[in-house]
Amino acid sequence: MSRNQINQAQEAQRLAEFNAPTGKLPDEADSHLATLFQKLEADQLDYLDQAGKRIIELSSALLGVLFAVIAFGENFPPAYLQSTLAKGLVSVVLVCYLLAIMTAVYGVQPRDYKHYRHNLTEMQRELNKVADFKARWARTSGLIFVLGSAGLALLVGVLVW
């Protein structure tokens, strides 16, 4: 491409990005913002997968903390876990972390998707379904993880006082 063709292509792109509500051409900050959102959109599936994997890692680590709390002492269950509240909290935390792991695994697990080779509209619709699915399960596992962590914090508070 000649330099003139490149300049024309860049100008055409700027005109295509014309901001109709404000009636102005995009400046450098506007172009940077548009580029940032394009990158976020392109990397969205990777971010969701990473979030799910991180929830799995954290839930597994905190399950280890929970089991360490349960395992201290000569007798099982230890004397400090004799109260009904402490036993209930241990059960709730255990269930929450296991559910968080299962929902996160379900969200990041590879699956088959329809691939529309010649229909961009359906391809975009399928991509949106994939992103919505991953986002829904990442949010669900994150919420369950937070509930389990709150329960663990409450358990530690009950054991300390």
C-alpha atoms as a PDB file:
ATOM      1  CA  MET A   1       0.000   0.000   0.000  1.00  0.00           C
ATOM      2  CA  SER A   2       1.173   3.460  -0.746  1.00  0.00           C
ATOM      3  CA  ARG A   3       1.427   6.121   1.926  1.00  0.00           C
ATOM      4  CA  ASN A   4      -1.564   7.922   0.405  1.00  0.00           C
ATOM      5  CA  GLN A   5      -3.709   4.760   0.598  1.00  0.00           C
ATOM      6  CA  ILE A   6      -2.715   4.241   4.233  1.00  0.00           C
ATOM      7  CA  ASN A   7      -3.654   7.849   5.076  1.00  0.00           C
ATOM      8  CA  GLN A   8      -6.991   7.430   3.292  1.00  0.00           C
ATOM      9  CA  ALA A   9      -7.681   4.204   5.205  1.00  0.00           C
ATOM     10  CA  GLN A  10      -6.852   5.885   8.509  1.00  0.00           C
ATOM     11  CA  GLU A  11      -9.106   8.840   7.691  1.00  0.00           C
ATOM     12  CA  ALA A  12     -11.910   6.473   6.702  1.00  0.00           C
ATOM     13  CA  GLN A  13     -11.534   4.716  10.037  1.00  0.00           C
ATOM     14  CA  ARG A  14     -11.668   8.052  11.890  1.00  0.00           C
ATOM     15  CA  LEU A  15     -14.837   8.997  10.013  1.00  0.00           C
ATOM     16  CA  ALA A  16     -16.326   5.583  10.787  1.00  0.00           C
ATOM     17  CA  GLU A  17     -15.671   6.275  14.472  1.00  0.00           C
ATOM     18  CA  PHE A  18     -17.436   9.647  14.221  1.00  0.00           C
ATOM     19  CA  ASN A  19     -19.147  10.333  17.524  1.00  0.00           C
ATOM     20  CA  ALA A  20     -22.692  11.187  16.427  1.00  0.00           C
ATOM     21  CA  PRO A  21     -24.049  12.232  19.866  1.00  0.00           C
ATOM     22  CA  THR A  22     -21.350  14.871  20.364  1.00  0.00           C
ATOM     23  CA  GLY A  23     -20.902  15.709  16.680  1.00  0.00           C
ATOM     24  CA  LYS A  24     -17.105  15.574  16.799  1.00  0.00           C
ATOM     25  CA  LEU A  25     -14.407  13.446  15.320  1.00  0.00           C
ATOM     26  CA  PRO A  26     -12.578  11.256  17.814  1.00  0.00           C
ATOM     27  CA  ASP A  27      -9.399  12.684  19.241  1.00  0.00           C
ATOM     28  CA  GLU A  28      -6.467  10.601  20.487  1.00  0.00           C
ATOM     29  CA  ALA A  29      -8.102   9.915  23.872  1.00  0.00           C
ATOM     30  CA  ASP A  30     -11.289   8.713  22.158  1.00  0.00           C
ATOM     31  CA  SER A  31      -9.307   6.438  19.861  1.00  0.00           C
ATOM     32  CA  HIS A  32      -7.371   5.074  22.852  1.00  0.00           C
ATOM     33  CA  LEU A  33     -10.634   4.353  24.672  1.00  0.00           C
ATOM     34  CA  ALA A  34     -12.090   2.591  21.621  1.00  0.00           C
ATOM     35  CA  THR A  35      -8.903   0.512  21.275  1.00  0.00           C
ATOM     36  CA  LEU A  36      -9.037  -0.397  24.965  1.00  0.00           C
ATOM     37  CA  PHE A  37     -12.620  -1.623  24.680  1.00  0.00           C
ATOM     38  CA  GLN A  38     -11.769  -3.613  21.546  1.00  0.00           C
ATOM     39  CA  LYS A  39      -8.971  -5.327  23.475  1.00  0.00           C
ATOM     40  CA  LEU A  40     -11.262  -6.012  26.446  1.00  0.00           C
ATOM     41  CA  GLU A  41     -13.856  -7.522  24.135  1.00  0.00           C
ATOM     42  CA  ALA A  42     -11.264  -9.649  22.339  1.00  0.00           C
ATOM     43  CA  ASP A  43      -9.771 -10.936  25.615  1.00  0.00           C
ATOM     44  CA  GLN A  44     -13.061 -11.362  27.486  1.00  0.00           C
ATOM     45  CA  LEU A  45     -13.200 -15.161  27.227  1.00  0.00           C
ATOM     46  CA  ASP A  46      -9.623 -15.480  28.483  1.00  0.00           C
ATOM     47  CA  TYR A  47     -10.377 -13.183  31.442  1.00  0.00           C
ATOM     48  CA  LEU A  48     -13.432 -15.247  32.368  1.00  0.00           C
ATOM     49  CA  ASP A  49     -11.454 -18.489  32.164  1.00  0.00           C
ATOM     50  CA  GLN A  50      -8.689 -17.006  34.313  1.00  0.00           C
ATOM     51  CA  ALA A  51     -11.242 -15.823  36.878  1.00  0.00           C
ATOM     52  CA  GLY A  52     -12.748 -19.302  37.090  1.00  0.00           C
ATOM     53  CA  LYS A  53      -9.342 -20.916  37.480  1.00  0.00           C
ATOM     54  CA  ARG A  54      -8.411 -18.425  40.190  1.00  0.00           C
ATOM     55  CA  ILE A  55     -11.574 -19.227  42.140  1.00  0.00           C
ATOM     56  CA  ILE A  56     -10.683 -22.923  41.910  1.00  0.00           C
ATOM     57  CA  GLU A  57      -7.185 -22.211  43.247  1.00  0.00           C
ATOM     58  CA  LEU A  58      -8.367 -20.007  46.105  1.00  0.00           C
ATOM     59  CA  SER A  59     -11.186 -22.339  47.117  1.00  0.00           C
ATOM     60  CA  SER A  60      -8.796 -25.283  47.168  1.00  0.00           C
ATOM     61  CA  ALA A  61      -6.293 -23.367  49.288  1.00  0.00           C
ATOM     62  CA  LEU A  62      -8.926 -22.240  51.773  1.00  0.00           C
ATOM     63  CA  LEU A  63     -10.296 -25.775  51.988  1.00  0.00           C
ATOM     64  CA  GLY A  64      -6.790 -26.704  53.119  1.00  0.00           C
ATOM     65  CA  VAL A  65      -7.021 -24.008  55.808  1.00  0.00           C
ATOM     66  CA  LEU A  66     -10.406 -25.368  56.890  1.00  0.00           C
ATOM     67  CA  PHE A  67      -9.068 -28.917  57.126  1.00  0.00           C
ATOM     68  CA  ALA A  68      -6.082 -27.648  59.119  1.00  0.00           C
ATOM     69  CA  VAL A  69      -8.471 -25.970  61.587  1.00  0.00           C
ATOM     70  CA  ILE A  70     -10.409 -29.223  61.913  1.00  0.00           C
ATOM     71  CA  ALA A  71      -7.310 -31.423  62.228  1.00  0.00           C
ATOM     72  CA  PHE A  72      -5.660 -29.619  65.174  1.00  0.00           C
ATOM     73  CA  GLY A  73      -5.903 -31.476  68.443  1.00  0.00           C
ATOM     74  CA  GLU A  74      -5.532 -35.023  69.677  1.00  0.00           C
ATOM     75  CA  ASN A  75      -9.184 -36.026  69.419  1.00  0.00           C
ATOM     76  CA  PHE A  76     -11.540 -35.594  66.518  1.00  0.00           C
ATOM     77  CA  PRO A  77     -13.288 -33.223  66.473  1.00  0.00           C
ATOM     78  CA  PRO A  78     -11.078 -30.971  68.564  1.00  0.00           C
ATOM     79  CA  ALA A  79     -12.474 -29.457  71.746  1.00  0.00           C
ATOM     80  CA  TYR A  80     -12.829 -26.010  70.205  1.00  0.00           C
ATOM     81  CA  LEU A  81     -15.204 -27.409  67.560  1.00  0.00           C
ATOM     82  CA  GLN A  82     -17.662 -28.898  70.060  1.00  0.00           C
ATOM     83  CA  SER A  83     -20.201 -26.092  69.807  1.00  0.00           C
ATOM     84  CA  THR A  84     -23.111 -26.492  67.423  1.00  0.00           C
ATOM     85  CA  LEU A  85     -22.356 -23.112  65.838  1.00  0.00           C
ATOM     86  CA  ALA A  86     -18.757 -24.073  65.037  1.00  0.00           C
ATOM     87  CA  LYS A  87     -19.833 -27.436  63.575  1.00  0.00           C
ATOM     88  CA  GLY A  88     -22.490 -25.709  61.476  1.00  0.00           C
ATOM     89  CA  LEU A  89     -20.029 -23.124  60.198  1.00  0.00           C
ATOM     90  CA  VAL A  90     -17.518 -25.837  59.266  1.00  0.00           C
ATOM     91  CA  SER A  91     -20.242 -27.597  57.276  1.00  0.00           C
ATOM     92  CA  VAL A  92     -21.368 -24.401  55.534  1.00  0.00           C
ATOM     93  CA  VAL A  93     -17.816 -23.387  54.626  1.00  0.00           C
ATOM     94  CA  LEU A  94     -17.029 -26.873  53.321  1.00  0.00           C
ATOM     95  CA  VAL A  95     -20.154 -26.952  51.163  1.00  0.00           C
ATOM     96  CA  CYS A  96     -19.582 -23.414  49.853  1.00  0.00           C
ATOM     97  CA  TYR A  97     -15.986 -24.034  48.828  1.00  0.00           C
ATOM     98  CA  LEU A  98     -16.829 -27.343  47.163  1.00  0.00           C
ATOM     99  CA  LEU A  99     -19.716 -25.713  45.292  1.00  0.00           C
ATOM    100  CA  ALA A 100     -17.478 -22.803  44.268  1.00  0.00           C
ATOM    101  CA  ILE A 101     -14.947 -25.252  42.854  1.00  0.00           C
ATOM    102  CA  MET A 102     -17.608 -27.244  40.998  1.00  0.00           C
ATOM    103  CA  THR A 103     -19.300 -24.186  39.480  1.00  0.00           C
ATOM    104  CA  ALA A 104     -15.969 -22.671  38.431  1.00  0.00           C
ATOM    105  CA  VAL A 105     -14.881 -25.950  36.825  1.00  0.00           C
ATOM    106  CA  TYR A 106     -18.203 -26.121  34.990  1.00  0.00           C
ATOM    107  CA  GLY A 107     -17.706 -22.590  33.685  1.00  0.00           C
ATOM    108  CA  VAL A 108     -14.152 -23.093  32.372  1.00  0.00           C
ATOM    109  CA  GLN A 109     -14.658 -26.641  31.103  1.00  0.00           C
ATOM    110  CA  PRO A 110     -14.200 -26.888  27.315  1.00  0.00           C
ATOM    111  CA  ARG A 111     -17.379 -27.653  25.370  1.00  0.00           C
ATOM    112  CA  ASP A 112     -18.580 -27.850  21.805  1.00  0.00           C
ATOM    113  CA  TYR A 113     -20.016 -24.748  20.224  1.00  0.00           C
ATOM    114  CA  LYS A 114     -21.704 -24.211  16.888  1.00  0.00           C
ATOM    115  CA  HIS A 115     -19.369 -22.710  14.319  1.00  0.00           C
ATOM    116  CA  TYR A 116     -21.140 -20.813  11.588  1.00  0.00           C
ATOM    117  CA  ARG A 117     -18.505 -20.559   8.862  1.00  0.00           C
ATOM    118  CA  HIS A 118     -20.466 -18.285   6.524  1.00  0.00           C
ATOM    119  CA  ASN A 119     -22.874 -16.457   8.816  1.00  0.00           C
ATOM    120  CA  LEU A 120     -21.257 -13.680  10.829  1.00  0.00           C
ATOM    121  CA  THR A 121     -24.491 -12.757  12.595  1.00  0.00           C
ATOM    122  CA  GLU A 122     -24.934 -16.258  13.987  1.00  0.00           C
ATOM    123  CA  MET A 123     -21.218 -16.442  14.755  1.00  0.00           C
ATOM    124  CA  GLN A 124     -21.511 -13.262  16.846  1.00  0.00           C
ATOM    125  CA  ARG A 125     -24.642 -14.598  18.541  1.00  0.00           C
ATOM    126  CA  GLU A 126     -22.824 -17.839  19.429  1.00  0.00           C
ATOM    127  CA  LEU A 127     -19.831 -15.884  20.767  1.00  0.00           C
ATOM    128  CA  ASN A 128     -22.188 -13.822  22.940  1.00  0.00           C
ATOM    129  CA  LYS A 129     -23.746 -17.047  24.270  1.00  0.00           C
ATOM    130  CA  VAL A 130     -20.290 -18.409  25.130  1.00  0.00           C
ATOM    131  CA  ALA A 131     -19.321 -15.184  26.928  1.00  0.00           C
ATOM    132  CA  ASP A 132     -22.653 -15.038  28.785  1.00  0.00           C
ATOM    133  CA  PHE A 133     -22.293 -18.672  29.884  1.00  0.00           C
ATOM    134  CA  LYS A 134     -18.755 -18.172  31.180  1.00  0.00           C
ATOM    135  CA  ALA A 135     -19.660 -14.876  32.884  1.00  0.00           C
ATOM    136  CA  ARG A 136     -22.728 -16.387  34.578  1.00  0.00           C
ATOM    137  CA  TRP A 137     -20.739 -19.300  36.027  1.00  0.00           C
ATOM    138  CA  ALA A 138     -17.804 -17.071  37.024  1.00  0.00           C
ATOM    139  CA  ARG A 139     -20.216 -14.770  38.906  1.00  0.00           C
ATOM    140  CA  THR A 140     -21.973 -17.731  40.520  1.00  0.00           C
ATOM    141  CA  SER A 141     -18.751 -19.363  41.675  1.00  0.00           C
ATOM    142  CA  GLY A 142     -17.426 -15.998  42.865  1.00  0.00           C
ATOM    143  CA  LEU A 143     -20.543 -15.362  44.938  1.00  0.00           C
ATOM    144  CA  ILE A 144     -20.388 -18.839  46.496  1.00  0.00           C
ATOM    145  CA  PHE A 145     -16.675 -18.331  47.193  1.00  0.00           C
ATOM    146  CA  VAL A 146     -17.397 -15.035  48.966  1.00  0.00           C
ATOM    147  CA  LEU A 147     -20.096 -16.702  51.077  1.00  0.00           C
ATOM    148  CA  GLY A 148     -17.690 -19.497  52.016  1.00  0.00           C
ATOM    149  CA  SER A 149     -14.979 -17.000  52.894  1.00  0.00           C
ATOM    150  CA  ALA A 150     -17.391 -15.027  55.058  1.00  0.00           C
ATOM    151  CA  GLY A 151     -18.309 -18.263  56.800  1.00  0.00           C
ATOM    152  CA  LEU A 152     -14.638 -19.091  57.333  1.00  0.00           C
ATOM    153  CA  ALA A 153     -14.005 -15.637  58.798  1.00  0.00           C
ATOM    154  CA  LEU A 154     -16.998 -16.083  61.087  1.00  0.00           C
ATOM    155  CA  LEU A 155     -15.715 -19.515  62.118  1.00  0.00           C
ATOM    156  CA  VAL A 156     -12.315 -18.091  62.995  1.00  0.00           C
ATOM    157  CA  GLY A 157     -14.045 -15.342  64.974  1.00  0.00           C
ATOM    158  CA  VAL A 158     -16.159 -17.894  66.871  1.00  0.00           C
ATOM    159  CA  LEU A 159     -13.075 -19.990  67.649  1.00  0.00           C
ATOM    160  CA  VAL A 160     -11.029 -17.010  68.852  1.00  0.00           C
ATOM    161  CA  TRP A 161     -13.736 -15.658  71.153  1.00  0.00           C
END
